[in-house]
């Protein structure tokens, strides 16, 4: 069985700025981390591998500049088998449609994927669109917001989907695309030894010419979404109130402060 987990690297800080020309997030100089939701997709893949009665290969896939390899290495340290980075200037400025197209073409090149997993959304954009877009490009069934998933047959998965006031049980034939909720599991932490060994695992970089691509679908040219205005969040003012005196006096001060703020 072959599982592909698509992931994204997102800014580590909330102190972000907006490019006044493109109206996109200005990522220059920002440290990146793996999108937290994607860790749950990796954990699901690892859990399926741990319990499967057949060999399972887990491939991590992401699109972005060279430093996105950092997130791939993190996923490899968790236990994935190999990583693929799609990196080319031609991919820059892609919206969710153009991103989904390139990912789908890469998935076709990897070949024979039984299950393609995504986190429910990325914390920097919160669209949750790329997974369904990839499913459409691949003409595969899709399940979104999965809070539970199991292999229910040789070529079948059963998922439980949680919506606002509804719980649904869905069955999909493989190959399929599934995006998962964070309630699904608790991602494992790699050990120092696993982190060290991750750098010996295969990590392949594919550029534009390594894939069969229609240039009219790439980057800003292939992105029909037009961002007309984006507002950076206002800085949060934080206050530090010291608690003094004996433990009893400090506890009394804390209770008073919480009551003043109508928190209790």
C-alpha atoms as a PDB file:
ATOM      1  CA  UNK A   1       0.000   0.000   0.000  1.00  0.00           C
ATOM      2  CA  UNK A   2       1.259   3.458  -0.866  1.00  0.00           C
ATOM      3  CA  UNK A   3       0.172   6.515   1.122  1.00  0.00           C
ATOM      4  CA  UNK A   4       1.030  10.082   0.110  1.00  0.00           C
ATOM      5  CA  UNK A   5       0.739  12.841   2.702  1.00  0.00           C
ATOM      6  CA  UNK A   6       0.665  16.387   1.322  1.00  0.00           C
ATOM      7  CA  UNK A   7       1.913  19.031   3.703  1.00  0.00           C
ATOM      8  CA  UNK A   8       2.666  22.736   3.816  1.00  0.00           C
ATOM      9  CA  UNK A   9       5.211  24.873   5.600  1.00  0.00           C
ATOM     10  CA  UNK A  10       3.719  27.938   7.300  1.00  0.00           C
ATOM     11  CA  UNK A  11       5.198  30.975   9.091  1.00  0.00           C
ATOM     12  CA  UNK A  12       6.262  30.258  12.647  1.00  0.00           C
ATOM     13  CA  UNK A  13       5.323  33.690  13.936  1.00  0.00           C
ATOM     14  CA  UNK A  14       2.108  35.699  14.133  1.00  0.00           C
ATOM     15  CA  UNK A  15       4.107  38.851  13.383  1.00  0.00           C
ATOM     16  CA  UNK A  16       3.462  38.858   9.632  1.00  0.00           C
ATOM     17  CA  UNK A  17       3.236  41.569   6.997  1.00  0.00           C
ATOM     18  CA  UNK A  18       1.306  41.834   3.751  1.00  0.00           C
ATOM     19  CA  UNK A  19       2.968  42.625   0.421  1.00  0.00           C
ATOM     20  CA  UNK A  20       1.335  45.909  -0.710  1.00  0.00           C
ATOM     21  CA  UNK A  21       1.660  44.973  -4.390  1.00  0.00           C
ATOM     22  CA  UNK A  22       0.526  41.344  -4.501  1.00  0.00           C
ATOM     23  CA  UNK A  23      -1.617  41.491  -1.329  1.00  0.00           C
ATOM     24  CA  UNK A  24      -0.145  38.123  -0.396  1.00  0.00           C
ATOM     25  CA  UNK A  25       1.606  37.149   2.806  1.00  0.00           C
ATOM     26  CA  UNK A  26       5.204  38.387   2.715  1.00  0.00           C
ATOM     27  CA  UNK A  27       7.187  35.295   3.709  1.00  0.00           C
ATOM     28  CA  UNK A  28      10.630  36.832   3.247  1.00  0.00           C
ATOM     29  CA  UNK A  29      12.752  36.352   6.341  1.00  0.00           C
ATOM     30  CA  UNK A  30      10.050  34.401   8.181  1.00  0.00           C
ATOM     31  CA  UNK A  31      11.014  31.144   9.850  1.00  0.00           C
ATOM     32  CA  UNK A  32       8.769  28.280   8.829  1.00  0.00           C
ATOM     33  CA  UNK A  33       7.289  25.240  10.547  1.00  0.00           C
ATOM     34  CA  UNK A  34       5.160  22.365   9.364  1.00  0.00           C
ATOM     35  CA  UNK A  35       1.464  23.197   9.286  1.00  0.00           C
ATOM     36  CA  UNK A  36       0.188  21.715  12.583  1.00  0.00           C
ATOM     37  CA  UNK A  37      -2.876  20.124  10.958  1.00  0.00           C
ATOM     38  CA  UNK A  38      -0.643  18.180   8.574  1.00  0.00           C
ATOM     39  CA  UNK A  39       1.037  16.398  11.467  1.00  0.00           C
ATOM     40  CA  UNK A  40      -2.267  14.667  12.164  1.00  0.00           C
ATOM     41  CA  UNK A  41      -2.347  13.404   8.570  1.00  0.00           C
ATOM     42  CA  UNK A  42       1.179  12.027   8.966  1.00  0.00           C
ATOM     43  CA  UNK A  43       0.228  10.387  12.264  1.00  0.00           C
ATOM     44  CA  UNK A  44      -2.761   8.727  10.588  1.00  0.00           C
ATOM     45  CA  UNK A  45      -0.507   7.350   7.853  1.00  0.00           C
ATOM     46  CA  UNK A  46       1.925   6.027  10.455  1.00  0.00           C
ATOM     47  CA  UNK A  47      -0.896   4.431  12.448  1.00  0.00           C
ATOM     48  CA  UNK A  48      -2.203   2.700   9.332  1.00  0.00           C
ATOM     49  CA  UNK A  49       1.308   1.460   8.618  1.00  0.00           C
ATOM     50  CA  UNK A  50       1.698   0.170  12.176  1.00  0.00           C
ATOM     51  CA  UNK A  51      -1.521  -1.854  12.015  1.00  0.00           C
ATOM     52  CA  UNK A  52      -1.653  -2.923   8.361  1.00  0.00           C
ATOM     53  CA  UNK A  53      -1.176  -6.560   7.418  1.00  0.00           C
ATOM     54  CA  UNK A  54       0.671  -5.521   4.268  1.00  0.00           C
ATOM     55  CA  UNK A  55       3.704  -3.389   3.457  1.00  0.00           C
ATOM     56  CA  UNK A  56       2.969   0.342   3.572  1.00  0.00           C
ATOM     57  CA  UNK A  57       5.140   3.090   2.078  1.00  0.00           C
ATOM     58  CA  UNK A  58       4.571   6.685   3.195  1.00  0.00           C
ATOM     59  CA  UNK A  59       5.672   9.504   0.885  1.00  0.00           C
ATOM     60  CA  UNK A  60       5.568  13.139   1.985  1.00  0.00           C
ATOM     61  CA  UNK A  61       4.894  15.765  -0.686  1.00  0.00           C
ATOM     62  CA  UNK A  62       5.120  19.546  -0.526  1.00  0.00           C
ATOM     63  CA  UNK A  63       5.511  22.508  -2.875  1.00  0.00           C
ATOM     64  CA  UNK A  64       7.610  25.554  -2.060  1.00  0.00           C
ATOM     65  CA  UNK A  65      11.131  26.980  -1.848  1.00  0.00           C
ATOM     66  CA  UNK A  66      14.141  24.933  -0.795  1.00  0.00           C
ATOM     67  CA  UNK A  67      13.689  25.556   2.931  1.00  0.00           C
ATOM     68  CA  UNK A  68      10.406  23.617   2.829  1.00  0.00           C
ATOM     69  CA  UNK A  69      12.665  20.579   3.054  1.00  0.00           C
ATOM     70  CA  UNK A  70      12.789  21.333   6.795  1.00  0.00           C
ATOM     71  CA  UNK A  71       9.172  20.235   7.177  1.00  0.00           C
ATOM     72  CA  UNK A  72       9.812  17.149   5.081  1.00  0.00           C
ATOM     73  CA  UNK A  73      12.693  16.184   7.366  1.00  0.00           C
ATOM     74  CA  UNK A  74      10.415  16.623  10.366  1.00  0.00           C
ATOM     75  CA  UNK A  75       7.879  14.267   8.835  1.00  0.00           C
ATOM     76  CA  UNK A  76      10.600  11.785   7.933  1.00  0.00           C
ATOM     77  CA  UNK A  77      11.767  11.869  11.539  1.00  0.00           C
ATOM     78  CA  UNK A  78       8.231  11.016  12.640  1.00  0.00           C
ATOM     79  CA  UNK A  79       8.483   7.846  10.563  1.00  0.00           C
ATOM     80  CA  UNK A  80       7.626   8.542   6.917  1.00  0.00           C
ATOM     81  CA  UNK A  81       9.740   6.734   4.332  1.00  0.00           C
ATOM     82  CA  UNK A  82      10.558   9.372   1.720  1.00  0.00           C
ATOM     83  CA  UNK A  83       9.933  12.980   0.799  1.00  0.00           C
ATOM     84  CA  UNK A  84       9.383  14.899  -2.433  1.00  0.00           C
ATOM     85  CA  UNK A  85       9.808  18.682  -2.700  1.00  0.00           C
ATOM     86  CA  UNK A  86       8.341  20.541  -5.684  1.00  0.00           C
ATOM     87  CA  UNK A  87      10.393  23.695  -6.047  1.00  0.00           C
ATOM     88  CA  UNK A  88      10.563  26.066  -9.001  1.00  0.00           C
ATOM     89  CA  UNK A  89      10.134  29.790  -9.622  1.00  0.00           C
ATOM     90  CA  UNK A  90       7.385  28.869 -12.071  1.00  0.00           C
ATOM     91  CA  UNK A  91       5.265  27.707  -9.118  1.00  0.00           C
ATOM     92  CA  UNK A  92       5.557  31.001  -7.201  1.00  0.00           C
ATOM     93  CA  UNK A  93       2.407  32.974  -6.480  1.00  0.00           C
ATOM     94  CA  UNK A  94       0.117  29.974  -6.896  1.00  0.00           C
ATOM     95  CA  UNK A  95      -3.360  30.057  -5.409  1.00  0.00           C
ATOM     96  CA  UNK A  96      -5.110  26.904  -4.221  1.00  0.00           C
ATOM     97  CA  UNK A  97      -6.121  25.886  -7.751  1.00  0.00           C
ATOM     98  CA  UNK A  98      -2.613  26.194  -9.200  1.00  0.00           C
ATOM     99  CA  UNK A  99      -1.140  24.510  -6.132  1.00  0.00           C
ATOM    100  CA  UNK A 100      -3.591  21.631  -6.384  1.00  0.00           C
ATOM    101  CA  UNK A 101      -2.761  21.186 -10.060  1.00  0.00           C
ATOM    102  CA  UNK A 102       0.992  20.859  -9.467  1.00  0.00           C
ATOM    103  CA  UNK A 103       0.482  18.504  -6.524  1.00  0.00           C
ATOM    104  CA  UNK A 104      -1.843  16.337  -8.610  1.00  0.00           C
ATOM    105  CA  UNK A 105       0.694  16.125 -11.438  1.00  0.00           C
ATOM    106  CA  UNK A 106       3.376  15.119  -8.943  1.00  0.00           C
ATOM    107  CA  UNK A 107       1.093  12.468  -7.441  1.00  0.00           C
ATOM    108  CA  UNK A 108       0.571  11.063 -10.924  1.00  0.00           C
ATOM    109  CA  UNK A 109       4.331  10.879 -11.407  1.00  0.00           C
ATOM    110  CA  UNK A 110       4.848   9.162  -8.050  1.00  0.00           C
ATOM    111  CA  UNK A 111       2.226   6.684  -9.190  1.00  0.00           C
ATOM    112  CA  UNK A 112       0.095   3.947  -7.636  1.00  0.00           C
ATOM    113  CA  UNK A 113      -1.002   5.936  -4.586  1.00  0.00           C
ATOM    114  CA  UNK A 114      -3.781   4.178  -2.685  1.00  0.00           C
ATOM    115  CA  UNK A 115      -4.497   6.924  -0.175  1.00  0.00           C
ATOM    116  CA  UNK A 116      -3.693  10.641  -0.292  1.00  0.00           C
ATOM    117  CA  UNK A 117      -3.934  12.503   3.001  1.00  0.00           C
ATOM    118  CA  UNK A 118      -4.143  16.205   3.886  1.00  0.00           C
ATOM    119  CA  UNK A 119      -4.572  18.167   7.072  1.00  0.00           C
ATOM    120  CA  UNK A 120      -7.968  19.846   7.231  1.00  0.00           C
ATOM    121  CA  UNK A 121      -6.488  23.244   6.304  1.00  0.00           C
ATOM    122  CA  UNK A 122      -3.370  25.391   6.613  1.00  0.00           C
ATOM    123  CA  UNK A 123      -3.169  27.811   9.521  1.00  0.00           C
ATOM    124  CA  UNK A 124      -1.865  30.650   7.342  1.00  0.00           C
ATOM    125  CA  UNK A 125      -4.721  30.701   4.817  1.00  0.00           C
ATOM    126  CA  UNK A 126      -7.474  28.545   6.383  1.00  0.00           C
ATOM    127  CA  UNK A 127      -9.093  27.674   3.046  1.00  0.00           C
ATOM    128  CA  UNK A 128      -9.150  23.866   3.230  1.00  0.00           C
ATOM    129  CA  UNK A 129      -9.413  23.832  -0.573  1.00  0.00           C
ATOM    130  CA  UNK A 130      -6.263  22.098  -1.813  1.00  0.00           C
ATOM    131  CA  UNK A 131      -7.268  18.562  -0.811  1.00  0.00           C
ATOM    132  CA  UNK A 132     -10.606  18.650  -2.656  1.00  0.00           C
ATOM    133  CA  UNK A 133      -8.948  20.330  -5.656  1.00  0.00           C
ATOM    134  CA  UNK A 134      -6.357  17.546  -5.872  1.00  0.00           C
ATOM    135  CA  UNK A 135      -9.149  14.963  -5.688  1.00  0.00           C
ATOM    136  CA  UNK A 136     -10.906  16.631  -8.602  1.00  0.00           C
ATOM    137  CA  UNK A 137      -7.768  16.746 -10.734  1.00  0.00           C
ATOM    138  CA  UNK A 138      -7.167  13.050 -10.006  1.00  0.00           C
ATOM    139  CA  UNK A 139     -10.849  12.133 -10.485  1.00  0.00           C
ATOM    140  CA  UNK A 140     -10.822  10.328  -7.145  1.00  0.00           C
ATOM    141  CA  UNK A 141     -13.382  10.159  -4.325  1.00  0.00           C
ATOM    142  CA  UNK A 142     -12.734  12.504  -1.439  1.00  0.00           C
ATOM    143  CA  UNK A 143     -13.627  12.676   2.235  1.00  0.00           C
ATOM    144  CA  UNK A 144     -13.143  15.924   4.137  1.00  0.00           C
ATOM    145  CA  UNK A 145     -12.994  16.657   7.882  1.00  0.00           C
ATOM    146  CA  UNK A 146     -12.403  13.022   8.823  1.00  0.00           C
ATOM    147  CA  UNK A 147     -12.284  12.580  12.606  1.00  0.00           C
ATOM    148  CA  UNK A 148     -11.732   8.828  12.342  1.00  0.00           C
ATOM    149  CA  UNK A 149     -10.572   6.574   9.531  1.00  0.00           C
ATOM    150  CA  UNK A 150      -9.869   2.881   9.113  1.00  0.00           C
ATOM    151  CA  UNK A 151      -9.194   0.410   6.348  1.00  0.00           C
ATOM    152  CA  UNK A 152     -12.499  -1.441   6.073  1.00  0.00           C
ATOM    153  CA  UNK A 153     -11.635  -3.664   3.122  1.00  0.00           C
ATOM    154  CA  UNK A 154      -8.865  -4.501   0.659  1.00  0.00           C
ATOM    155  CA  UNK A 155      -9.665  -1.382  -1.376  1.00  0.00           C
ATOM    156  CA  UNK A 156     -11.900   0.606   0.934  1.00  0.00           C
ATOM    157  CA  UNK A 157     -11.762   3.113   3.780  1.00  0.00           C
ATOM    158  CA  UNK A 158     -14.470   4.071   6.245  1.00  0.00           C
ATOM    159  CA  UNK A 159     -14.351   7.493   7.855  1.00  0.00           C
ATOM    160  CA  UNK A 160     -16.347   9.345  10.462  1.00  0.00           C
ATOM    161  CA  UNK A 161     -16.849  12.989   9.616  1.00  0.00           C
ATOM    162  CA  UNK A 162     -17.768  15.587  12.213  1.00  0.00           C
ATOM    163  CA  UNK A 163     -19.623  18.704  11.108  1.00  0.00           C
ATOM    164  CA  UNK A 164     -21.111  21.417  13.304  1.00  0.00           C
ATOM    165  CA  UNK A 165     -24.093  19.401  14.526  1.00  0.00           C
ATOM    166  CA  UNK A 166     -23.806  16.205  12.491  1.00  0.00           C
ATOM    167  CA  UNK A 167     -21.790  13.016  12.542  1.00  0.00           C
ATOM    168  CA  UNK A 168     -21.518  11.154   9.239  1.00  0.00           C
ATOM    169  CA  UNK A 169     -20.079   7.753   8.371  1.00  0.00           C
ATOM    170  CA  UNK A 170     -18.631   7.652   4.858  1.00  0.00           C
ATOM    171  CA  UNK A 171     -17.176   4.818   2.792  1.00  0.00           C
ATOM    172  CA  UNK A 172     -14.843   5.433  -0.152  1.00  0.00           C
ATOM    173  CA  UNK A 173     -13.188   3.112  -2.605  1.00  0.00           C
ATOM    174  CA  UNK A 174      -9.430   3.418  -2.979  1.00  0.00           C
ATOM    175  CA  UNK A 175      -7.622   5.306  -4.336  1.00  0.00           C
ATOM    176  CA  UNK A 176      -9.113   8.234  -2.432  1.00  0.00           C
ATOM    177  CA  UNK A 177      -8.223  11.643  -1.012  1.00  0.00           C
ATOM    178  CA  UNK A 178      -8.935  12.344   2.668  1.00  0.00           C
ATOM    179  CA  UNK A 179      -8.437  15.489   4.761  1.00  0.00           C
ATOM    180  CA  UNK A 180      -8.346  14.924   8.515  1.00  0.00           C
ATOM    181  CA  UNK A 181      -9.315  16.858  11.627  1.00  0.00           C
ATOM    182  CA  UNK A 182      -6.992  17.411  14.554  1.00  0.00           C
ATOM    183  CA  UNK A 183      -9.311  15.405  16.847  1.00  0.00           C
ATOM    184  CA  UNK A 184      -8.243  12.293  14.961  1.00  0.00           C
ATOM    185  CA  UNK A 185      -5.054  11.637  16.918  1.00  0.00           C
ATOM    186  CA  UNK A 186      -2.072  13.026  18.796  1.00  0.00           C
ATOM    187  CA  UNK A 187       1.026  13.294  16.572  1.00  0.00           C
ATOM    188  CA  UNK A 188       4.087  11.516  17.883  1.00  0.00           C
ATOM    189  CA  UNK A 189       7.308  13.327  18.714  1.00  0.00           C
ATOM    190  CA  UNK A 190      10.460  12.002  17.028  1.00  0.00           C
ATOM    191  CA  UNK A 191      13.393  11.032  19.197  1.00  0.00           C
ATOM    192  CA  UNK A 192      16.828  12.619  18.677  1.00  0.00           C
ATOM    193  CA  UNK A 193      17.911   9.364  17.029  1.00  0.00           C
ATOM    194  CA  UNK A 194      14.961   9.467  14.616  1.00  0.00           C
ATOM    195  CA  UNK A 195      15.747  13.083  13.756  1.00  0.00           C
ATOM    196  CA  UNK A 196      19.325  12.118  12.965  1.00  0.00           C
ATOM    197  CA  UNK A 197      18.257   9.153  10.824  1.00  0.00           C
ATOM    198  CA  UNK A 198      15.742  11.263   8.887  1.00  0.00           C
ATOM    199  CA  UNK A 199      18.563  12.939   6.966  1.00  0.00           C
ATOM    200  CA  UNK A 200      19.554   9.561   5.528  1.00  0.00           C
ATOM    201  CA  UNK A 201      16.076   8.947   4.095  1.00  0.00           C
ATOM    202  CA  UNK A 202      15.368   9.725   0.415  1.00  0.00           C
ATOM    203  CA  UNK A 203      14.381  13.327  -0.271  1.00  0.00           C
ATOM    204  CA  UNK A 204      13.864  14.166  -3.931  1.00  0.00           C
ATOM    205  CA  UNK A 205      13.513  17.650  -5.416  1.00  0.00           C
ATOM    206  CA  UNK A 206      11.454  17.995  -8.593  1.00  0.00           C
ATOM    207  CA  UNK A 207      11.513  21.141 -10.693  1.00  0.00           C
ATOM    208  CA  UNK A 208       9.276  22.344 -13.506  1.00  0.00           C
ATOM    209  CA  UNK A 209      10.868  20.160 -16.169  1.00  0.00           C
ATOM    210  CA  UNK A 210      10.537  17.016 -14.048  1.00  0.00           C
ATOM    211  CA  UNK A 211       6.741  17.092 -14.329  1.00  0.00           C
ATOM    212  CA  UNK A 212       4.246  17.113 -17.174  1.00  0.00           C
ATOM    213  CA  UNK A 213       2.773  20.579 -16.731  1.00  0.00           C
ATOM    214  CA  UNK A 214       0.655  23.089 -18.601  1.00  0.00           C
ATOM    215  CA  UNK A 215       2.378  26.434 -17.999  1.00  0.00           C
ATOM    216  CA  UNK A 216      -0.958  28.246 -18.220  1.00  0.00           C
ATOM    217  CA  UNK A 217      -1.987  26.504 -15.007  1.00  0.00           C
ATOM    218  CA  UNK A 218       1.100  27.509 -13.005  1.00  0.00           C
ATOM    219  CA  UNK A 219       1.924  30.312 -10.595  1.00  0.00           C
ATOM    220  CA  UNK A 220       0.156  33.635 -10.869  1.00  0.00           C
ATOM    221  CA  UNK A 221      -0.794  33.000 -14.507  1.00  0.00           C
ATOM    222  CA  UNK A 222      -2.724  29.887 -13.512  1.00  0.00           C
ATOM    223  CA  UNK A 223      -4.282  31.449 -10.409  1.00  0.00           C
ATOM    224  CA  UNK A 224      -7.779  32.852 -11.007  1.00  0.00           C
ATOM    225  CA  UNK A 225      -8.079  33.989  -7.393  1.00  0.00           C
ATOM    226  CA  UNK A 226      -7.449  37.722  -7.045  1.00  0.00           C
ATOM    227  CA  UNK A 227      -6.706  39.040  -3.561  1.00  0.00           C
ATOM    228  CA  UNK A 228      -7.925  42.631  -3.490  1.00  0.00           C
ATOM    229  CA  UNK A 229      -7.323  43.452   0.164  1.00  0.00           C
ATOM    230  CA  UNK A 230      -5.756  41.740   3.146  1.00  0.00           C
ATOM    231  CA  UNK A 231      -5.505  43.114   6.662  1.00  0.00           C
ATOM    232  CA  UNK A 232      -2.741  42.095   9.028  1.00  0.00           C
ATOM    233  CA  UNK A 233      -4.048  41.331  12.520  1.00  0.00           C
ATOM    234  CA  UNK A 234      -3.654  44.106  15.051  1.00  0.00           C
ATOM    235  CA  UNK A 235      -0.922  43.423  17.617  1.00  0.00           C
ATOM    236  CA  UNK A 236      -2.243  41.944  20.836  1.00  0.00           C
ATOM    237  CA  UNK A 237      -1.427  44.071  23.853  1.00  0.00           C
ATOM    238  CA  UNK A 238      -0.228  41.890  26.700  1.00  0.00           C
ATOM    239  CA  UNK A 239      -0.020  42.906  30.329  1.00  0.00           C
ATOM    240  CA  UNK A 240       1.943  41.324  33.145  1.00  0.00           C
ATOM    241  CA  UNK A 241       0.425  41.652  36.602  1.00  0.00           C
ATOM    242  CA  UNK A 242       2.722  40.410  39.385  1.00  0.00           C
ATOM    243  CA  UNK A 243       1.160  38.580  42.323  1.00  0.00           C
ATOM    244  CA  UNK A 244       2.860  39.467  45.599  1.00  0.00           C
ATOM    245  CA  UNK A 245       2.743  38.455  49.232  1.00  0.00           C
ATOM    246  CA  UNK A 246       2.040  35.048  50.718  1.00  0.00           C
ATOM    247  CA  UNK A 247       0.506  32.250  48.625  1.00  0.00           C
ATOM    248  CA  UNK A 248      -2.882  33.006  50.170  1.00  0.00           C
ATOM    249  CA  UNK A 249      -2.556  36.715  49.350  1.00  0.00           C
ATOM    250  CA  UNK A 250      -1.408  35.922  45.798  1.00  0.00           C
ATOM    251  CA  UNK A 251      -4.371  33.577  45.330  1.00  0.00           C
ATOM    252  CA  UNK A 252      -6.732  36.307  46.515  1.00  0.00           C
ATOM    253  CA  UNK A 253      -5.183  38.772  44.053  1.00  0.00           C
ATOM    254  CA  UNK A 254      -5.580  36.252  41.229  1.00  0.00           C
ATOM    255  CA  UNK A 255      -9.252  35.671  42.036  1.00  0.00           C
ATOM    256  CA  UNK A 256      -9.876  39.418  42.138  1.00  0.00           C
ATOM    257  CA  UNK A 257      -8.138  39.935  38.784  1.00  0.00           C
ATOM    258  CA  UNK A 258     -10.164  37.140  37.149  1.00  0.00           C
ATOM    259  CA  UNK A 259     -13.422  38.537  38.538  1.00  0.00           C
ATOM    260  CA  UNK A 260     -12.539  42.025  37.290  1.00  0.00           C
ATOM    261  CA  UNK A 261     -12.171  40.563  33.808  1.00  0.00           C
ATOM    262  CA  UNK A 262     -15.414  38.590  34.184  1.00  0.00           C
ATOM    263  CA  UNK A 263     -13.543  35.337  33.667  1.00  0.00           C
ATOM    264  CA  UNK A 264     -15.045  33.767  36.782  1.00  0.00           C
END
